[in-house]
Amino acid sequence: MKKKIYALALLTTLSGVAHAADGTIQFKGEIIDTACTVSPQSANQIVTMGQVSDKAFRAAGDTASATAFYIDLANCPASAQSASVKFDGSPYEGDNTTLALTETDGAATGVGIQIRNADNSPLPLFTRSQSITLTESKTNRLNFSAVYIAKASTVTAGPADATATFSVVYN
């Protein structure tokens, strides 16, 4: 009988802890029925970063091979006033400002790929880019660049590829 009472007391204590709340998060948004069309050239593109010597990276934070790319939006409805882009991918060892390289045999190490806004500021993954105002009757271009960025004091040579997906966010 005592074991049942202790078990009941423990269960009651634990259930009180499990239901404690320190705050509330509300998620707000809207699903819209009209949007711009992402141009076919922008939807599934390959950004060619080129070949870079491992000697170009002398210290963590060094960058090389800045490469411009863009996402074009067309046929935007009048109701879409502005847009930004959010990139998702695998971050470099917990650093959400840099994409991790695709893990393959012999892949480069100590380096990742950083996506940057039009003003060259780093664009963290899972974060909206700088916004552009949309014009209904023209193609609207969101400009970005990508750079290799050393994340360690030593960078080793090898394939240096990464993949990101993107979503257009209407503001």
C-alpha atoms as a PDB file:
ATOM      1  CA  MET A   1       0.000   0.000   0.000  1.00  0.00           C
ATOM      2  CA  LYS A   2       2.864   2.399   0.872  1.00  0.00           C
ATOM      3  CA  LYS A   3       4.468   1.705  -2.521  1.00  0.00           C
ATOM      4  CA  LYS A   4       1.243   2.720  -4.268  1.00  0.00           C
ATOM      5  CA  ILE A   5       1.034   5.943  -2.233  1.00  0.00           C
ATOM      6  CA  TYR A   6       4.681   6.806  -3.026  1.00  0.00           C
ATOM      7  CA  ALA A   7       4.116   6.040  -6.708  1.00  0.00           C
ATOM      8  CA  LEU A   8       0.979   8.195  -6.750  1.00  0.00           C
ATOM      9  CA  ALA A   9       2.788  11.054  -4.972  1.00  0.00           C
ATOM     10  CA  LEU A  10       5.701  10.834  -7.446  1.00  0.00           C
ATOM     11  CA  LEU A  11       3.335  10.777 -10.420  1.00  0.00           C
ATOM     12  CA  THR A  12       1.453  13.793  -9.103  1.00  0.00           C
ATOM     13  CA  THR A  13       4.718  15.695  -8.574  1.00  0.00           C
ATOM     14  CA  LEU A  14       6.056  14.835 -12.053  1.00  0.00           C
ATOM     15  CA  SER A  15       2.793  15.691 -13.794  1.00  0.00           C
ATOM     16  CA  GLY A  16       2.907  19.149 -12.183  1.00  0.00           C
ATOM     17  CA  VAL A  17       6.418  19.679 -13.581  1.00  0.00           C
ATOM     18  CA  ALA A  18       5.478  18.443 -17.035  1.00  0.00           C
ATOM     19  CA  HIS A  19       2.670  20.976 -17.328  1.00  0.00           C
ATOM     20  CA  ALA A  20       4.579  24.028 -16.086  1.00  0.00           C
ATOM     21  CA  ALA A  21       4.840  26.778 -18.695  1.00  0.00           C
ATOM     22  CA  ASP A  22       7.240  29.689 -18.733  1.00  0.00           C
ATOM     23  CA  GLY A  23       5.673  31.509 -21.662  1.00  0.00           C
ATOM     24  CA  THR A  24       3.594  31.360 -24.777  1.00  0.00           C
ATOM     25  CA  ILE A  25       4.585  31.557 -28.429  1.00  0.00           C
ATOM     26  CA  GLN A  26       1.944  32.478 -30.980  1.00  0.00           C
ATOM     27  CA  PHE A  27       2.586  31.830 -34.646  1.00  0.00           C
ATOM     28  CA  LYS A  28       0.863  34.200 -37.058  1.00  0.00           C
ATOM     29  CA  GLY A  29       0.890  34.198 -40.815  1.00  0.00           C
ATOM     30  CA  GLU A  30      -1.295  33.876 -43.844  1.00  0.00           C
ATOM     31  CA  ILE A  31      -1.597  31.476 -46.745  1.00  0.00           C
ATOM     32  CA  ILE A  32      -2.280  33.419 -49.929  1.00  0.00           C
ATOM     33  CA  ASP A  33      -3.927  32.222 -53.120  1.00  0.00           C
ATOM     34  CA  THR A  34      -1.890  34.324 -55.541  1.00  0.00           C
ATOM     35  CA  ALA A  35       1.830  34.705 -55.853  1.00  0.00           C
ATOM     36  CA  CYS A  36       4.518  35.554 -58.338  1.00  0.00           C
ATOM     37  CA  THR A  37       5.977  32.920 -60.619  1.00  0.00           C
ATOM     38  CA  VAL A  38       9.593  31.949 -59.987  1.00  0.00           C
ATOM     39  CA  SER A  39      11.313  31.971 -63.379  1.00  0.00           C
ATOM     40  CA  PRO A  40      12.428  28.518 -64.603  1.00  0.00           C
ATOM     41  CA  GLN A  41      16.061  29.751 -64.756  1.00  0.00           C
ATOM     42  CA  SER A  42      15.868  30.720 -61.082  1.00  0.00           C
ATOM     43  CA  ALA A  43      13.911  27.764 -59.730  1.00  0.00           C
ATOM     44  CA  ASN A  44      16.562  25.064 -60.153  1.00  0.00           C
ATOM     45  CA  GLN A  45      19.887  26.684 -60.811  1.00  0.00           C
ATOM     46  CA  ILE A  46      23.526  25.785 -60.411  1.00  0.00           C
ATOM     47  CA  VAL A  47      25.820  28.529 -59.169  1.00  0.00           C
ATOM     48  CA  THR A  48      29.301  27.772 -60.452  1.00  0.00           C
ATOM     49  CA  MET A  49      31.781  28.809 -57.774  1.00  0.00           C
ATOM     50  CA  GLY A  50      34.830  27.797 -59.814  1.00  0.00           C
ATOM     51  CA  GLN A  51      38.134  26.389 -58.643  1.00  0.00           C
ATOM     52  CA  VAL A  52      39.881  28.136 -55.767  1.00  0.00           C
ATOM     53  CA  SER A  53      43.290  27.300 -54.322  1.00  0.00           C
ATOM     54  CA  ASP A  54      43.327  26.154 -50.706  1.00  0.00           C
ATOM     55  CA  LYS A  55      46.123  28.734 -50.284  1.00  0.00           C
ATOM     56  CA  ALA A  56      43.513  31.518 -50.753  1.00  0.00           C
ATOM     57  CA  PHE A  57      42.382  30.824 -47.183  1.00  0.00           C
ATOM     58  CA  ARG A  58      45.029  31.847 -44.657  1.00  0.00           C
ATOM     59  CA  ALA A  59      42.752  32.150 -41.611  1.00  0.00           C
ATOM     60  CA  ALA A  60      39.216  31.431 -40.485  1.00  0.00           C
ATOM     61  CA  GLY A  61      36.905  34.058 -41.945  1.00  0.00           C
ATOM     62  CA  ASP A  62      38.817  34.489 -45.206  1.00  0.00           C
ATOM     63  CA  THR A  63      36.564  34.453 -48.274  1.00  0.00           C
ATOM     64  CA  ALA A  64      37.085  33.705 -51.943  1.00  0.00           C
ATOM     65  CA  SER A  65      35.216  33.313 -55.209  1.00  0.00           C
ATOM     66  CA  ALA A  66      32.306  35.717 -54.742  1.00  0.00           C
ATOM     67  CA  THR A  67      29.726  34.636 -57.305  1.00  0.00           C
ATOM     68  CA  ALA A  68      26.554  36.570 -58.079  1.00  0.00           C
ATOM     69  CA  PHE A  69      23.218  34.843 -58.595  1.00  0.00           C
ATOM     70  CA  TYR A  70      19.621  35.945 -58.611  1.00  0.00           C
ATOM     71  CA  ILE A  71      16.043  34.825 -58.299  1.00  0.00           C
ATOM     72  CA  ASP A  72      13.568  36.311 -60.752  1.00  0.00           C
ATOM     73  CA  LEU A  73       9.877  36.655 -59.947  1.00  0.00           C
ATOM     74  CA  ALA A  74       7.396  37.333 -62.746  1.00  0.00           C
ATOM     75  CA  ASN A  75       3.639  37.666 -63.183  1.00  0.00           C
ATOM     76  CA  CYS A  76       3.270  39.171 -59.728  1.00  0.00           C
ATOM     77  CA  PRO A  77      -0.301  40.031 -58.772  1.00  0.00           C
ATOM     78  CA  ALA A  78      -1.129  43.564 -57.626  1.00  0.00           C
ATOM     79  CA  SER A  79      -1.852  42.194 -54.159  1.00  0.00           C
ATOM     80  CA  ALA A  80       1.809  41.126 -53.736  1.00  0.00           C
ATOM     81  CA  GLN A  81       3.565  44.288 -52.548  1.00  0.00           C
ATOM     82  CA  SER A  82       7.034  43.005 -51.637  1.00  0.00           C
ATOM     83  CA  ALA A  83       8.956  39.777 -51.362  1.00  0.00           C
ATOM     84  CA  SER A  84      12.030  38.280 -49.762  1.00  0.00           C
ATOM     85  CA  VAL A  85      13.647  34.851 -49.947  1.00  0.00           C
ATOM     86  CA  LYS A  86      14.480  32.389 -47.195  1.00  0.00           C
ATOM     87  CA  PHE A  87      17.218  29.828 -47.838  1.00  0.00           C
ATOM     88  CA  ASP A  88      17.249  26.504 -45.991  1.00  0.00           C
ATOM     89  CA  GLY A  89      20.048  23.964 -45.883  1.00  0.00           C
ATOM     90  CA  SER A  90      22.528  22.200 -43.630  1.00  0.00           C
ATOM     91  CA  PRO A  91      24.497  24.728 -41.583  1.00  0.00           C
ATOM     92  CA  TYR A  92      28.244  24.398 -41.096  1.00  0.00           C
ATOM     93  CA  GLU A  93      28.715  22.829 -37.636  1.00  0.00           C
ATOM     94  CA  GLY A  94      25.994  24.905 -35.987  1.00  0.00           C
ATOM     95  CA  ASP A  95      26.865  28.185 -37.762  1.00  0.00           C
ATOM     96  CA  ASN A  96      23.655  29.182 -39.541  1.00  0.00           C
ATOM     97  CA  THR A  97      25.459  31.882 -41.574  1.00  0.00           C
ATOM     98  CA  THR A  98      27.244  29.236 -43.631  1.00  0.00           C
ATOM     99  CA  LEU A  99      26.131  26.200 -45.630  1.00  0.00           C
ATOM    100  CA  ALA A 100      27.970  22.977 -44.899  1.00  0.00           C
ATOM    101  CA  LEU A 101      29.592  21.293 -47.848  1.00  0.00           C
ATOM    102  CA  THR A 102      28.007  18.137 -49.178  1.00  0.00           C
ATOM    103  CA  GLU A 103      29.667  15.192 -47.491  1.00  0.00           C
ATOM    104  CA  THR A 104      31.425  13.119 -50.143  1.00  0.00           C
ATOM    105  CA  ASP A 105      34.662  11.165 -50.224  1.00  0.00           C
ATOM    106  CA  GLY A 106      37.557  13.587 -50.453  1.00  0.00           C
ATOM    107  CA  ALA A 107      35.434  16.712 -49.934  1.00  0.00           C
ATOM    108  CA  ALA A 108      37.199  19.912 -48.926  1.00  0.00           C
ATOM    109  CA  THR A 109      37.291  20.608 -45.192  1.00  0.00           C
ATOM    110  CA  GLY A 110      37.438  23.755 -43.092  1.00  0.00           C
ATOM    111  CA  VAL A 111      35.311  25.729 -45.534  1.00  0.00           C
ATOM    112  CA  GLY A 112      31.643  26.364 -46.298  1.00  0.00           C
ATOM    113  CA  ILE A 113      29.528  28.520 -48.566  1.00  0.00           C
ATOM    114  CA  GLN A 114      27.982  31.752 -47.327  1.00  0.00           C
ATOM    115  CA  ILE A 115      24.986  33.317 -49.079  1.00  0.00           C
ATOM    116  CA  ARG A 116      24.929  37.119 -49.052  1.00  0.00           C
ATOM    117  CA  ASN A 117      22.275  39.760 -49.608  1.00  0.00           C
ATOM    118  CA  ALA A 118      22.524  42.319 -52.424  1.00  0.00           C
ATOM    119  CA  ASP A 119      24.424  44.660 -50.074  1.00  0.00           C
ATOM    120  CA  ASN A 120      26.990  41.875 -49.403  1.00  0.00           C
ATOM    121  CA  SER A 121      25.803  41.289 -45.811  1.00  0.00           C
ATOM    122  CA  PRO A 122      25.699  37.609 -44.771  1.00  0.00           C
ATOM    123  CA  LEU A 123      22.229  36.060 -45.036  1.00  0.00           C
ATOM    124  CA  PRO A 124      21.790  33.429 -42.327  1.00  0.00           C
ATOM    125  CA  LEU A 125      19.940  30.270 -43.275  1.00  0.00           C
ATOM    126  CA  PHE A 126      16.289  30.095 -42.222  1.00  0.00           C
ATOM    127  CA  THR A 127      16.121  33.923 -42.277  1.00  0.00           C
ATOM    128  CA  ARG A 128      14.380  36.260 -44.710  1.00  0.00           C
ATOM    129  CA  SER A 129      16.583  38.158 -47.127  1.00  0.00           C
ATOM    130  CA  GLN A 130      16.349  41.861 -47.697  1.00  0.00           C
ATOM    131  CA  SER A 131      12.974  42.641 -49.224  1.00  0.00           C
ATOM    132  CA  ILE A 132      12.278  44.120 -52.660  1.00  0.00           C
ATOM    133  CA  THR A 133       9.205  46.039 -53.770  1.00  0.00           C
ATOM    134  CA  LEU A 134       7.344  44.117 -56.455  1.00  0.00           C
ATOM    135  CA  THR A 135       6.141  45.626 -59.718  1.00  0.00           C
ATOM    136  CA  GLU A 136       3.227  43.877 -61.359  1.00  0.00           C
ATOM    137  CA  SER A 137       4.191  44.414 -64.995  1.00  0.00           C
ATOM    138  CA  LYS A 138       7.870  43.427 -64.961  1.00  0.00           C
ATOM    139  CA  THR A 139      10.301  40.763 -63.843  1.00  0.00           C
ATOM    140  CA  ASN A 140      11.422  41.423 -60.280  1.00  0.00           C
ATOM    141  CA  ARG A 141      14.975  40.371 -59.431  1.00  0.00           C
ATOM    142  CA  LEU A 142      16.332  39.492 -55.998  1.00  0.00           C
ATOM    143  CA  ASN A 143      20.143  39.674 -56.131  1.00  0.00           C
ATOM    144  CA  PHE A 144      22.445  37.531 -54.023  1.00  0.00           C
ATOM    145  CA  SER A 145      26.009  36.303 -53.998  1.00  0.00           C
ATOM    146  CA  ALA A 146      27.764  33.257 -52.609  1.00  0.00           C
ATOM    147  CA  VAL A 147      31.327  33.035 -51.296  1.00  0.00           C
ATOM    148  CA  TYR A 148      33.537  30.302 -49.992  1.00  0.00           C
ATOM    149  CA  ILE A 149      34.365  31.146 -46.386  1.00  0.00           C
ATOM    150  CA  ALA A 150      37.072  29.497 -44.288  1.00  0.00           C
ATOM    151  CA  LYS A 151      35.669  28.179 -41.021  1.00  0.00           C
ATOM    152  CA  ALA A 152      38.990  26.817 -39.770  1.00  0.00           C
ATOM    153  CA  SER A 153      42.595  27.951 -39.900  1.00  0.00           C
ATOM    154  CA  THR A 154      43.372  25.154 -42.365  1.00  0.00           C
ATOM    155  CA  VAL A 155      41.356  24.413 -45.491  1.00  0.00           C
ATOM    156  CA  THR A 156      41.963  21.174 -47.361  1.00  0.00           C
ATOM    157  CA  ALA A 157      41.402  20.694 -51.080  1.00  0.00           C
ATOM    158  CA  GLY A 158      38.546  18.671 -52.557  1.00  0.00           C
ATOM    159  CA  PRO A 159      35.057  19.056 -53.987  1.00  0.00           C
ATOM    160  CA  ALA A 160      33.312  22.031 -52.345  1.00  0.00           C
ATOM    161  CA  ASP A 161      29.617  21.727 -53.193  1.00  0.00           C
ATOM    162  CA  ALA A 162      26.548  22.577 -51.115  1.00  0.00           C
ATOM    163  CA  THR A 163      22.794  22.602 -51.645  1.00  0.00           C
ATOM    164  CA  ALA A 164      20.137  25.009 -50.419  1.00  0.00           C
ATOM    165  CA  THR A 165      16.431  25.236 -51.052  1.00  0.00           C
ATOM    166  CA  PHE A 166      14.584  28.519 -51.071  1.00  0.00           C
ATOM    167  CA  SER A 167      11.098  29.837 -50.424  1.00  0.00           C
ATOM    168  CA  VAL A 168       9.680  33.170 -51.521  1.00  0.00           C
ATOM    169  CA  VAL A 169       8.090  35.047 -48.644  1.00  0.00           C
ATOM    170  CA  TYR A 170       5.596  37.804 -49.455  1.00  0.00           C
ATOM    171  CA  ASN A 171       5.522  40.747 -47.065  1.00  0.00           C
END
